[in-house]
């Protein structure tokens, strides 16, 4: 891969997909700056600088971008990977909980895109990790699905506003075998099919070398998206199946 000396900034790189992306970048000789809530868990590397940031805070995003440009001189690629999910039955109103997940999953990547365009008018490639749930929202993930759908819709429209110097790639992973689902809730059922984070990371790194508008790491899910256009009962049936698992999970949780 021709990533040597490529200047990359990534958020959410201490675990899961982000951790695998970071490993590939450093192995291939990229110069990387990481913004993460737990940078101390990321091993040191000569080509790596780490910052403790909370992407839900605009001041932290500003600091990460400004420090990154100062260290790297410019940013070739920014990977907005930080994100999390709730797995829950929404039973009562909770403004703080809604604001929390939207701040991290939606406001942060959109604000970052706006900020980078102003800081680097000559261009930058921005990669945002969305989710297959942007296309197929599932029971238990109502808020998470809403955040990823928001990112998807923003990108679809905003691409027309960007000039040719900028590239925007949105990634739609399906379920990945990481601690992501542990963080979403206790004993959360992992939707089928699932992928290894290392495989998803390779697809994302490949998109750095050959930029594209979208990346669907799962060929199977991409085929299902097409099939559902002709057989629109497929996704509702899948959603019903996931709802059965969701109901069983609730009963276990309550017992």
C-alpha atoms as a PDB file:
ATOM      1  CA  UNK A   1       0.000   0.000   0.000  1.00  0.00           C
ATOM      2  CA  UNK A   2       1.193   3.512  -0.769  1.00  0.00           C
ATOM      3  CA  UNK A   3       0.468   5.025   2.635  1.00  0.00           C
ATOM      4  CA  UNK A   4       4.027   5.964   3.564  1.00  0.00           C
ATOM      5  CA  UNK A   5       4.096   9.510   4.969  1.00  0.00           C
ATOM      6  CA  UNK A   6       0.348   9.906   4.443  1.00  0.00           C
ATOM      7  CA  UNK A   7      -0.874  12.310   7.128  1.00  0.00           C
ATOM      8  CA  UNK A   8      -3.916  10.912   8.874  1.00  0.00           C
ATOM      9  CA  UNK A   9      -6.033  11.922  11.872  1.00  0.00           C
ATOM     10  CA  UNK A  10      -8.433   9.415  13.429  1.00  0.00           C
ATOM     11  CA  UNK A  11     -10.848   9.514  16.346  1.00  0.00           C
ATOM     12  CA  UNK A  12     -11.882   6.492  18.362  1.00  0.00           C
ATOM     13  CA  UNK A  13      -8.783   4.367  17.803  1.00  0.00           C
ATOM     14  CA  UNK A  14      -8.323   2.616  21.141  1.00  0.00           C
ATOM     15  CA  UNK A  15     -10.656  -0.286  20.315  1.00  0.00           C
ATOM     16  CA  UNK A  16     -12.684  -2.004  17.625  1.00  0.00           C
ATOM     17  CA  UNK A  17     -12.501  -0.869  14.008  1.00  0.00           C
ATOM     18  CA  UNK A  18     -10.469   2.229  14.877  1.00  0.00           C
ATOM     19  CA  UNK A  19      -7.797   0.166  16.589  1.00  0.00           C
ATOM     20  CA  UNK A  20      -7.445  -2.033  13.504  1.00  0.00           C
ATOM     21  CA  UNK A  21      -7.306   0.980  11.177  1.00  0.00           C
ATOM     22  CA  UNK A  22      -4.569   2.550  13.293  1.00  0.00           C
ATOM     23  CA  UNK A  23      -2.521  -0.649  13.219  1.00  0.00           C
ATOM     24  CA  UNK A  24      -2.718  -0.820   9.410  1.00  0.00           C
ATOM     25  CA  UNK A  25      -1.821   2.849   9.006  1.00  0.00           C
ATOM     26  CA  UNK A  26       1.251   2.607  11.217  1.00  0.00           C
ATOM     27  CA  UNK A  27       2.372  -0.657   9.605  1.00  0.00           C
ATOM     28  CA  UNK A  28       2.254   1.024   6.198  1.00  0.00           C
ATOM     29  CA  UNK A  29       4.253   4.056   7.356  1.00  0.00           C
ATOM     30  CA  UNK A  30       1.535   6.686   7.685  1.00  0.00           C
ATOM     31  CA  UNK A  31       1.977   9.627  10.059  1.00  0.00           C
ATOM     32  CA  UNK A  32      -0.960   9.519  12.459  1.00  0.00           C
ATOM     33  CA  UNK A  33      -2.571  11.711  15.086  1.00  0.00           C
ATOM     34  CA  UNK A  34      -5.188  10.075  17.306  1.00  0.00           C
ATOM     35  CA  UNK A  35      -7.951  11.719  19.308  1.00  0.00           C
ATOM     36  CA  UNK A  36      -9.460   9.338  21.837  1.00  0.00           C
ATOM     37  CA  UNK A  37     -11.063   9.195  25.272  1.00  0.00           C
ATOM     38  CA  UNK A  38      -8.471   6.605  26.336  1.00  0.00           C
ATOM     39  CA  UNK A  39      -5.220   7.397  24.491  1.00  0.00           C
ATOM     40  CA  UNK A  40      -3.162   5.856  27.287  1.00  0.00           C
ATOM     41  CA  UNK A  41      -4.328   2.392  26.174  1.00  0.00           C
ATOM     42  CA  UNK A  42      -2.825   2.886  22.692  1.00  0.00           C
ATOM     43  CA  UNK A  43       0.812   1.718  22.386  1.00  0.00           C
ATOM     44  CA  UNK A  44       3.389   4.375  21.526  1.00  0.00           C
ATOM     45  CA  UNK A  45       4.877   4.506  18.037  1.00  0.00           C
ATOM     46  CA  UNK A  46       7.421   6.832  16.371  1.00  0.00           C
ATOM     47  CA  UNK A  47       4.835   7.874  13.765  1.00  0.00           C
ATOM     48  CA  UNK A  48       2.037   8.430  16.274  1.00  0.00           C
ATOM     49  CA  UNK A  49       0.851  11.347  18.409  1.00  0.00           C
ATOM     50  CA  UNK A  50      -2.042  10.903  20.825  1.00  0.00           C
ATOM     51  CA  UNK A  51      -4.476  13.348  22.394  1.00  0.00           C
ATOM     52  CA  UNK A  52      -7.144  12.799  25.000  1.00  0.00           C
ATOM     53  CA  UNK A  53     -10.315  14.311  23.583  1.00  0.00           C
ATOM     54  CA  UNK A  54     -14.067  14.036  23.941  1.00  0.00           C
ATOM     55  CA  UNK A  55     -15.626  14.529  20.499  1.00  0.00           C
ATOM     56  CA  UNK A  56     -18.886  15.674  22.094  1.00  0.00           C
ATOM     57  CA  UNK A  57     -17.058  18.892  23.041  1.00  0.00           C
ATOM     58  CA  UNK A  58     -16.359  21.403  20.268  1.00  0.00           C
ATOM     59  CA  UNK A  59     -13.328  22.773  22.127  1.00  0.00           C
ATOM     60  CA  UNK A  60     -11.730  19.304  22.071  1.00  0.00           C
ATOM     61  CA  UNK A  61     -12.371  18.901  18.338  1.00  0.00           C
ATOM     62  CA  UNK A  62     -10.911  22.358  17.700  1.00  0.00           C
ATOM     63  CA  UNK A  63      -7.826  21.465  19.724  1.00  0.00           C
ATOM     64  CA  UNK A  64      -7.352  18.135  17.919  1.00  0.00           C
ATOM     65  CA  UNK A  65      -7.597  19.725  14.467  1.00  0.00           C
ATOM     66  CA  UNK A  66      -5.356  22.675  15.287  1.00  0.00           C
ATOM     67  CA  UNK A  67      -2.726  20.480  16.975  1.00  0.00           C
ATOM     68  CA  UNK A  68      -2.848  17.994  14.094  1.00  0.00           C
ATOM     69  CA  UNK A  69      -2.235  20.656  11.472  1.00  0.00           C
ATOM     70  CA  UNK A  70       0.594  22.092  13.538  1.00  0.00           C
ATOM     71  CA  UNK A  71       2.221  18.646  13.917  1.00  0.00           C
ATOM     72  CA  UNK A  72       1.597  17.328  10.404  1.00  0.00           C
ATOM     73  CA  UNK A  73       1.623  20.662   8.527  1.00  0.00           C
ATOM     74  CA  UNK A  74      -1.566  19.488   6.797  1.00  0.00           C
ATOM     75  CA  UNK A  75      -4.113  16.685   7.103  1.00  0.00           C
ATOM     76  CA  UNK A  76      -4.459  14.383   4.097  1.00  0.00           C
ATOM     77  CA  UNK A  77      -7.157  12.174   5.610  1.00  0.00           C
ATOM     78  CA  UNK A  78      -9.442  12.595   8.609  1.00  0.00           C
ATOM     79  CA  UNK A  79     -11.277   9.479   9.821  1.00  0.00           C
ATOM     80  CA  UNK A  80     -14.250  10.331  12.043  1.00  0.00           C
ATOM     81  CA  UNK A  81     -14.640   6.932  13.649  1.00  0.00           C
ATOM     82  CA  UNK A  82     -15.664   7.678  17.249  1.00  0.00           C
ATOM     83  CA  UNK A  83     -19.187   6.558  18.103  1.00  0.00           C
ATOM     84  CA  UNK A  84     -21.308   4.431  20.418  1.00  0.00           C
ATOM     85  CA  UNK A  85     -24.760   2.877  20.728  1.00  0.00           C
ATOM     86  CA  UNK A  86     -27.567   2.322  23.199  1.00  0.00           C
ATOM     87  CA  UNK A  87     -29.461  -0.956  23.148  1.00  0.00           C
ATOM     88  CA  UNK A  88     -32.655  -0.248  25.020  1.00  0.00           C
ATOM     89  CA  UNK A  89     -36.409   0.074  25.093  1.00  0.00           C
ATOM     90  CA  UNK A  90     -37.191   3.776  25.265  1.00  0.00           C
ATOM     91  CA  UNK A  91     -39.736   4.129  28.068  1.00  0.00           C
ATOM     92  CA  UNK A  92     -39.464   7.748  29.138  1.00  0.00           C
ATOM     93  CA  UNK A  93     -38.177  11.058  27.869  1.00  0.00           C
ATOM     94  CA  UNK A  94     -34.494  11.791  28.509  1.00  0.00           C
ATOM     95  CA  UNK A  95     -33.082  14.883  26.806  1.00  0.00           C
ATOM     96  CA  UNK A  96     -29.544  14.338  28.130  1.00  0.00           C
ATOM     97  CA  UNK A  97     -29.388  10.786  26.799  1.00  0.00           C
ATOM     98  CA  UNK A  98     -30.581  11.890  23.351  1.00  0.00           C
ATOM     99  CA  UNK A  99     -28.156  14.810  23.300  1.00  0.00           C
ATOM    100  CA  UNK A 100     -25.261  12.582  24.369  1.00  0.00           C
ATOM    101  CA  UNK A 101     -25.507  10.107  21.503  1.00  0.00           C
ATOM    102  CA  UNK A 102     -26.282  12.750  18.878  1.00  0.00           C
ATOM    103  CA  UNK A 103     -23.354  14.888  20.067  1.00  0.00           C
ATOM    104  CA  UNK A 104     -20.891  12.042  19.502  1.00  0.00           C
ATOM    105  CA  UNK A 105     -22.395  10.292  16.477  1.00  0.00           C
ATOM    106  CA  UNK A 106     -23.815  13.250  14.512  1.00  0.00           C
ATOM    107  CA  UNK A 107     -22.754  16.678  15.701  1.00  0.00           C
ATOM    108  CA  UNK A 108     -19.067  15.753  16.023  1.00  0.00           C
ATOM    109  CA  UNK A 109     -18.505  14.440  12.454  1.00  0.00           C
ATOM    110  CA  UNK A 110     -20.604  17.211  10.873  1.00  0.00           C
ATOM    111  CA  UNK A 111     -18.812  19.913  12.864  1.00  0.00           C
ATOM    112  CA  UNK A 112     -15.453  18.334  12.000  1.00  0.00           C
ATOM    113  CA  UNK A 113     -16.273  18.405   8.283  1.00  0.00           C
ATOM    114  CA  UNK A 114     -17.247  22.077   8.480  1.00  0.00           C
ATOM    115  CA  UNK A 115     -14.140  22.966  10.493  1.00  0.00           C
ATOM    116  CA  UNK A 116     -11.728  21.080   8.231  1.00  0.00           C
ATOM    117  CA  UNK A 117     -13.080  22.688   5.095  1.00  0.00           C
ATOM    118  CA  UNK A 118     -12.359  26.101   6.584  1.00  0.00           C
ATOM    119  CA  UNK A 119      -8.953  25.136   7.960  1.00  0.00           C
ATOM    120  CA  UNK A 120      -7.798  23.414   4.767  1.00  0.00           C
ATOM    121  CA  UNK A 121      -9.405  25.134   1.781  1.00  0.00           C
ATOM    122  CA  UNK A 122      -7.016  23.323  -0.570  1.00  0.00           C
ATOM    123  CA  UNK A 123      -8.676  20.013   0.219  1.00  0.00           C
ATOM    124  CA  UNK A 124      -8.848  16.990   2.502  1.00  0.00           C
ATOM    125  CA  UNK A 125     -10.320  13.488   2.357  1.00  0.00           C
ATOM    126  CA  UNK A 126     -12.843  12.912   5.158  1.00  0.00           C
ATOM    127  CA  UNK A 127     -14.015   9.400   6.039  1.00  0.00           C
ATOM    128  CA  UNK A 128     -16.982   8.971   8.374  1.00  0.00           C
ATOM    129  CA  UNK A 129     -17.965   5.662   9.966  1.00  0.00           C
ATOM    130  CA  UNK A 130     -21.746   5.331   9.757  1.00  0.00           C
ATOM    131  CA  UNK A 131     -23.538   1.954   9.991  1.00  0.00           C
ATOM    132  CA  UNK A 132     -25.644  -0.485   8.040  1.00  0.00           C
ATOM    133  CA  UNK A 133     -28.426   0.657  10.396  1.00  0.00           C
ATOM    134  CA  UNK A 134     -28.539   3.914   8.451  1.00  0.00           C
ATOM    135  CA  UNK A 135     -30.320   1.773   5.828  1.00  0.00           C
ATOM    136  CA  UNK A 136     -31.850  -0.845   8.110  1.00  0.00           C
ATOM    137  CA  UNK A 137     -32.842   0.572  11.532  1.00  0.00           C
ATOM    138  CA  UNK A 138     -33.378  -2.140  14.127  1.00  0.00           C
ATOM    139  CA  UNK A 139     -35.447  -2.543  17.309  1.00  0.00           C
ATOM    140  CA  UNK A 140     -33.415  -1.637  20.380  1.00  0.00           C
ATOM    141  CA  UNK A 141     -31.250   0.723  18.355  1.00  0.00           C
ATOM    142  CA  UNK A 142     -33.802   3.451  17.644  1.00  0.00           C
ATOM    143  CA  UNK A 143     -31.556   6.336  18.720  1.00  0.00           C
ATOM    144  CA  UNK A 144     -28.380   4.816  17.264  1.00  0.00           C
ATOM    145  CA  UNK A 145     -30.096   4.138  13.942  1.00  0.00           C
ATOM    146  CA  UNK A 146     -31.390   7.716  13.908  1.00  0.00           C
ATOM    147  CA  UNK A 147     -27.879   9.105  14.372  1.00  0.00           C
ATOM    148  CA  UNK A 148     -26.434   7.040  11.547  1.00  0.00           C
ATOM    149  CA  UNK A 149     -29.332   7.900   9.245  1.00  0.00           C
ATOM    150  CA  UNK A 150     -28.665  11.573   9.991  1.00  0.00           C
ATOM    151  CA  UNK A 151     -24.997  11.226   8.996  1.00  0.00           C
ATOM    152  CA  UNK A 152     -26.008   9.373   5.827  1.00  0.00           C
ATOM    153  CA  UNK A 153     -28.507  12.068   4.799  1.00  0.00           C
ATOM    154  CA  UNK A 154     -26.099  14.899   5.573  1.00  0.00           C
ATOM    155  CA  UNK A 155     -23.375  13.339   3.434  1.00  0.00           C
ATOM    156  CA  UNK A 156     -25.725  12.646   0.523  1.00  0.00           C
ATOM    157  CA  UNK A 157     -26.702  16.320   0.362  1.00  0.00           C
ATOM    158  CA  UNK A 158     -23.435  17.960   1.409  1.00  0.00           C
ATOM    159  CA  UNK A 159     -21.381  16.300  -1.332  1.00  0.00           C
ATOM    160  CA  UNK A 160     -23.070  18.655  -3.794  1.00  0.00           C
ATOM    161  CA  UNK A 161     -21.873  21.650  -1.794  1.00  0.00           C
ATOM    162  CA  UNK A 162     -18.236  20.560  -1.590  1.00  0.00           C
ATOM    163  CA  UNK A 163     -15.808  21.635  -4.273  1.00  0.00           C
ATOM    164  CA  UNK A 164     -13.686  19.117  -6.173  1.00  0.00           C
ATOM    165  CA  UNK A 165     -10.725  19.489  -3.788  1.00  0.00           C
ATOM    166  CA  UNK A 166     -12.630  17.702  -1.045  1.00  0.00           C
ATOM    167  CA  UNK A 167     -13.579  14.048  -0.813  1.00  0.00           C
ATOM    168  CA  UNK A 168     -16.185  12.606   1.545  1.00  0.00           C
ATOM    169  CA  UNK A 169     -16.469   8.852   2.117  1.00  0.00           C
ATOM    170  CA  UNK A 170     -19.148   7.277   4.310  1.00  0.00           C
ATOM    171  CA  UNK A 171     -18.610   3.719   5.577  1.00  0.00           C
ATOM    172  CA  UNK A 172     -21.531   1.412   6.390  1.00  0.00           C
ATOM    173  CA  UNK A 173     -20.259  -1.491   8.512  1.00  0.00           C
ATOM    174  CA  UNK A 174     -22.627  -4.215   9.610  1.00  0.00           C
ATOM    175  CA  UNK A 175     -22.235  -5.715  13.087  1.00  0.00           C
ATOM    176  CA  UNK A 176     -18.579  -6.144  14.009  1.00  0.00           C
ATOM    177  CA  UNK A 177     -17.199  -8.576  16.565  1.00  0.00           C
ATOM    178  CA  UNK A 178     -15.906  -5.970  19.031  1.00  0.00           C
ATOM    179  CA  UNK A 179     -16.669  -4.581  22.496  1.00  0.00           C
ATOM    180  CA  UNK A 180     -19.116  -2.238  20.751  1.00  0.00           C
ATOM    181  CA  UNK A 181     -22.070  -4.448  21.682  1.00  0.00           C
ATOM    182  CA  UNK A 182     -20.836  -4.878  25.239  1.00  0.00           C
ATOM    183  CA  UNK A 183     -20.866  -1.110  25.577  1.00  0.00           C
ATOM    184  CA  UNK A 184     -24.387  -0.943  24.151  1.00  0.00           C
ATOM    185  CA  UNK A 185     -25.751  -3.123  26.975  1.00  0.00           C
ATOM    186  CA  UNK A 186     -25.359  -6.356  28.914  1.00  0.00           C
ATOM    187  CA  UNK A 187     -25.586  -9.569  26.848  1.00  0.00           C
ATOM    188  CA  UNK A 188     -26.697  -7.714  23.739  1.00  0.00           C
ATOM    189  CA  UNK A 189     -27.500 -10.079  20.821  1.00  0.00           C
ATOM    190  CA  UNK A 190     -25.207  -9.389  17.879  1.00  0.00           C
ATOM    191  CA  UNK A 191     -27.164  -8.915  14.629  1.00  0.00           C
ATOM    192  CA  UNK A 192     -26.470 -11.385  11.834  1.00  0.00           C
ATOM    193  CA  UNK A 193     -24.290 -11.347   9.833  1.00  0.00           C
ATOM    194  CA  UNK A 194     -21.242 -10.030  11.682  1.00  0.00           C
ATOM    195  CA  UNK A 195     -17.724  -9.211  10.517  1.00  0.00           C
ATOM    196  CA  UNK A 196     -14.275  -9.020  12.012  1.00  0.00           C
ATOM    197  CA  UNK A 197     -13.101  -5.439  12.659  1.00  0.00           C
ATOM    198  CA  UNK A 198      -9.826  -6.159  10.866  1.00  0.00           C
ATOM    199  CA  UNK A 199     -11.733  -6.854   7.643  1.00  0.00           C
ATOM    200  CA  UNK A 200     -13.687  -3.607   7.918  1.00  0.00           C
ATOM    201  CA  UNK A 201     -10.469  -1.712   8.643  1.00  0.00           C
ATOM    202  CA  UNK A 202      -8.859  -3.055   5.471  1.00  0.00           C
ATOM    203  CA  UNK A 203     -11.808  -1.827   3.416  1.00  0.00           C
ATOM    204  CA  UNK A 204     -11.536   1.627   4.972  1.00  0.00           C
ATOM    205  CA  UNK A 205      -7.776   1.861   4.425  1.00  0.00           C
ATOM    206  CA  UNK A 206      -8.295   0.746   0.836  1.00  0.00           C
ATOM    207  CA  UNK A 207     -10.690   3.686   0.412  1.00  0.00           C
ATOM    208  CA  UNK A 208      -7.871   6.049   1.406  1.00  0.00           C
ATOM    209  CA  UNK A 209      -5.878   4.864  -1.586  1.00  0.00           C
ATOM    210  CA  UNK A 210      -8.848   4.755  -3.943  1.00  0.00           C
ATOM    211  CA  UNK A 211     -11.391   7.303  -2.661  1.00  0.00           C
ATOM    212  CA  UNK A 212     -15.054   6.572  -3.216  1.00  0.00           C
ATOM    213  CA  UNK A 213     -18.323   8.019  -1.956  1.00  0.00           C
ATOM    214  CA  UNK A 214     -19.404   4.954  -0.002  1.00  0.00           C
ATOM    215  CA  UNK A 215     -17.875   1.807   1.422  1.00  0.00           C
ATOM    216  CA  UNK A 216     -20.024  -1.225   2.243  1.00  0.00           C
ATOM    217  CA  UNK A 217     -17.613  -3.714   3.855  1.00  0.00           C
ATOM    218  CA  UNK A 218     -20.209  -6.499   3.659  1.00  0.00           C
ATOM    219  CA  UNK A 219     -20.893  -7.617   0.091  1.00  0.00           C
ATOM    220  CA  UNK A 220     -23.778  -9.703   1.439  1.00  0.00           C
ATOM    221  CA  UNK A 221     -25.454  -6.658   2.991  1.00  0.00           C
ATOM    222  CA  UNK A 222     -24.869  -4.616  -0.166  1.00  0.00           C
ATOM    223  CA  UNK A 223     -26.667  -7.309  -2.156  1.00  0.00           C
ATOM    224  CA  UNK A 224     -29.536  -7.259   0.359  1.00  0.00           C
ATOM    225  CA  UNK A 225     -29.882  -3.506  -0.131  1.00  0.00           C
ATOM    226  CA  UNK A 226     -30.399  -4.086  -3.834  1.00  0.00           C
ATOM    227  CA  UNK A 227     -32.729  -7.055  -3.349  1.00  0.00           C
ATOM    228  CA  UNK A 228     -34.886  -5.124  -0.881  1.00  0.00           C
ATOM    229  CA  UNK A 229     -35.703  -2.617  -3.607  1.00  0.00           C
ATOM    230  CA  UNK A 230     -37.373  -5.382  -5.602  1.00  0.00           C
ATOM    231  CA  UNK A 231     -38.614  -7.423  -2.634  1.00  0.00           C
ATOM    232  CA  UNK A 232     -39.424  -4.789   0.010  1.00  0.00           C
ATOM    233  CA  UNK A 233     -40.652  -7.401   2.474  1.00  0.00           C
ATOM    234  CA  UNK A 234     -37.080  -8.603   3.183  1.00  0.00           C
ATOM    235  CA  UNK A 235     -36.053  -5.879   5.634  1.00  0.00           C
ATOM    236  CA  UNK A 236     -39.359  -5.910   7.574  1.00  0.00           C
ATOM    237  CA  UNK A 237     -39.021  -9.685   8.031  1.00  0.00           C
ATOM    238  CA  UNK A 238     -35.447  -9.271   9.241  1.00  0.00           C
ATOM    239  CA  UNK A 239     -36.579  -6.490  11.580  1.00  0.00           C
ATOM    240  CA  UNK A 240     -39.301  -8.733  13.029  1.00  0.00           C
ATOM    241  CA  UNK A 241     -36.695 -11.411  13.705  1.00  0.00           C
ATOM    242  CA  UNK A 242     -34.462  -8.882  15.456  1.00  0.00           C
ATOM    243  CA  UNK A 243     -37.444  -7.709  17.478  1.00  0.00           C
ATOM    244  CA  UNK A 244     -37.978 -11.253  18.774  1.00  0.00           C
ATOM    245  CA  UNK A 245     -34.354 -11.283  19.956  1.00  0.00           C
ATOM    246  CA  UNK A 246     -34.848  -7.831  21.459  1.00  0.00           C
ATOM    247  CA  UNK A 247     -37.934  -8.966  23.410  1.00  0.00           C
ATOM    248  CA  UNK A 248     -36.072 -12.018  24.723  1.00  0.00           C
ATOM    249  CA  UNK A 249     -33.161  -9.791  25.771  1.00  0.00           C
ATOM    250  CA  UNK A 250     -35.557  -7.538  27.696  1.00  0.00           C
ATOM    251  CA  UNK A 251     -37.060 -10.475  29.547  1.00  0.00           C
ATOM    252  CA  UNK A 252     -33.593 -11.742  30.548  1.00  0.00           C
ATOM    253  CA  UNK A 253     -32.665  -8.278  31.709  1.00  0.00           C
ATOM    254  CA  UNK A 254     -35.817  -7.938  33.817  1.00  0.00           C
ATOM    255  CA  UNK A 255     -35.538 -11.406  35.392  1.00  0.00           C
END
